[in-house]
Amino acid sequence: MYIPVNKRTVFSDLREHVIEIVFDKLNGERRVLRGTLMGRYLPDNTDMSTITLENDVAGQEGEQAMTVWDVQNKGWRSFRTDRVLSMQMLMSY
């Protein structure tokens, strides 16, 4: 059901693209997130030097959590990489 996600690869892709991520939240709710880590979409006060794979921007702990900027809702959102159903790069952004 869930797809294997290489966090390092996804992080690299998020730095260059907007990605549609479909995942299940911990409460079982299905969520579609259009996320990125591209500087041009992030808030002006974002320190790009702090956005690293090892230093999650929302302070999420654990290997499974990943935080991205939601381009639709204009806010930081996180998802667990072990609950991802699909990922697709969006070329329209």
Protein backbone atom coordinates (compact mmCIF):
# COMPACT_ATOMS: atom_id res chain seq x y z
CA MET A 1 0.00 0.00 0.00
CA TYR A 2 2.67 2.55 1.01
CA ILE A 3 5.57 3.19 -1.32
CA PRO A 4 9.20 3.11 -0.18
CA VAL A 5 10.55 6.66 0.11
CA ASN A 6 14.22 7.56 0.15
CA LYS A 7 14.24 10.68 2.30
CA ARG A 8 17.54 11.95 0.86
CA THR A 9 16.26 11.68 -2.74
CA VAL A 10 12.92 13.31 -1.88
CA PHE A 11 14.69 16.14 -0.06
CA SER A 12 16.84 16.79 -3.12
CA ASP A 13 13.78 16.73 -5.41
CA LEU A 14 11.87 19.12 -3.12
CA ARG A 15 14.73 21.65 -3.37
CA GLU A 16 14.14 21.82 -7.14
CA HIS A 17 10.44 21.03 -7.66
CA VAL A 18 6.93 21.20 -6.27
CA ILE A 19 5.81 17.66 -5.51
CA GLU A 20 2.32 16.38 -4.97
CA ILE A 21 2.47 13.98 -2.05
CA VAL A 22 -0.47 11.73 -1.18
CA PHE A 23 -0.19 10.21 2.29
CA ASP A 24 -2.18 8.98 5.24
CA LYS A 25 -2.08 11.08 8.37
CA LEU A 26 -1.60 9.32 11.70
CA ASN A 27 -5.34 9.67 12.38
CA GLY A 28 -6.05 7.71 9.17
CA GLU A 29 -7.19 10.71 7.12
CA ARG A 30 -5.85 10.81 3.56
CA ARG A 31 -4.11 14.05 2.60
CA VAL A 32 -2.88 15.55 -0.68
CA LEU A 33 -0.06 18.02 -0.19
CA ARG A 34 1.69 20.13 -2.80
CA GLY A 35 5.00 20.72 -1.13
CA THR A 36 8.39 22.18 -1.89
CA LEU A 37 11.61 23.45 -0.37
CA MET A 38 12.36 25.80 -3.29
CA GLY A 39 13.49 29.19 -2.03
CA ARG A 40 11.21 31.22 -4.29
CA TYR A 41 8.10 29.73 -2.65
CA LEU A 42 9.22 29.93 0.98
CA PRO A 43 8.43 32.86 3.30
CA ASP A 44 10.80 35.83 3.00
CA ASN A 45 12.13 35.30 6.52
CA THR A 46 13.24 31.71 5.82
CA ASP A 47 16.94 31.12 6.40
CA MET A 48 17.77 28.74 3.55
CA SER A 49 21.01 27.67 5.27
CA THR A 50 18.96 26.00 8.02
CA ILE A 51 16.98 23.83 5.62
CA THR A 52 18.93 20.62 5.56
CA LEU A 53 17.98 16.98 5.66
CA GLU A 54 19.43 16.67 9.16
CA ASN A 55 17.83 19.90 10.47
CA ASP A 56 14.10 19.58 9.80
CA VAL A 57 12.57 23.09 9.63
CA ALA A 58 9.69 22.30 11.96
CA GLY A 59 11.84 20.53 14.51
CA GLN A 60 10.23 17.16 13.77
CA GLU A 61 12.02 14.30 15.43
CA GLY A 62 12.57 10.86 14.00
CA GLU A 63 13.68 9.52 10.68
CA GLN A 64 10.16 9.26 9.25
CA ALA A 65 9.03 12.90 9.59
CA MET A 66 9.64 15.42 6.81
CA THR A 67 8.56 19.07 6.69
CA VAL A 68 7.79 20.99 3.50
CA TRP A 69 6.21 24.27 2.47
CA ASP A 70 2.60 23.78 1.31
CA VAL A 71 2.26 25.99 -1.80
CA GLN A 72 -1.55 25.87 -1.72
CA ASN A 73 -2.13 26.62 1.96
CA LYS A 74 0.99 28.79 2.41
CA GLY A 75 2.32 27.09 5.51
CA TRP A 76 4.74 24.51 6.82
CA ARG A 77 3.33 20.99 6.85
CA SER A 78 4.86 17.67 7.76
CA PHE A 79 4.27 14.10 6.67
CA ARG A 80 5.70 10.74 7.55
CA THR A 81 7.70 9.11 4.78
CA ASP A 82 6.51 5.67 5.87
CA ARG A 83 2.87 6.62 5.12
CA VAL A 84 3.27 7.91 1.53
CA LEU A 85 0.92 6.47 -1.10
CA SER A 86 2.24 8.40 -4.13
CA MET A 87 4.51 11.25 -5.17
CA GLN A 88 4.53 13.19 -8.42
CA MET A 89 6.55 16.19 -9.58
CA LEU A 90 4.34 19.03 -10.73
CA MET A 91 5.64 20.81 -13.80
CA SER A 92 3.07 23.63 -13.71
CA TYR A 93 4.87 25.44 -10.86
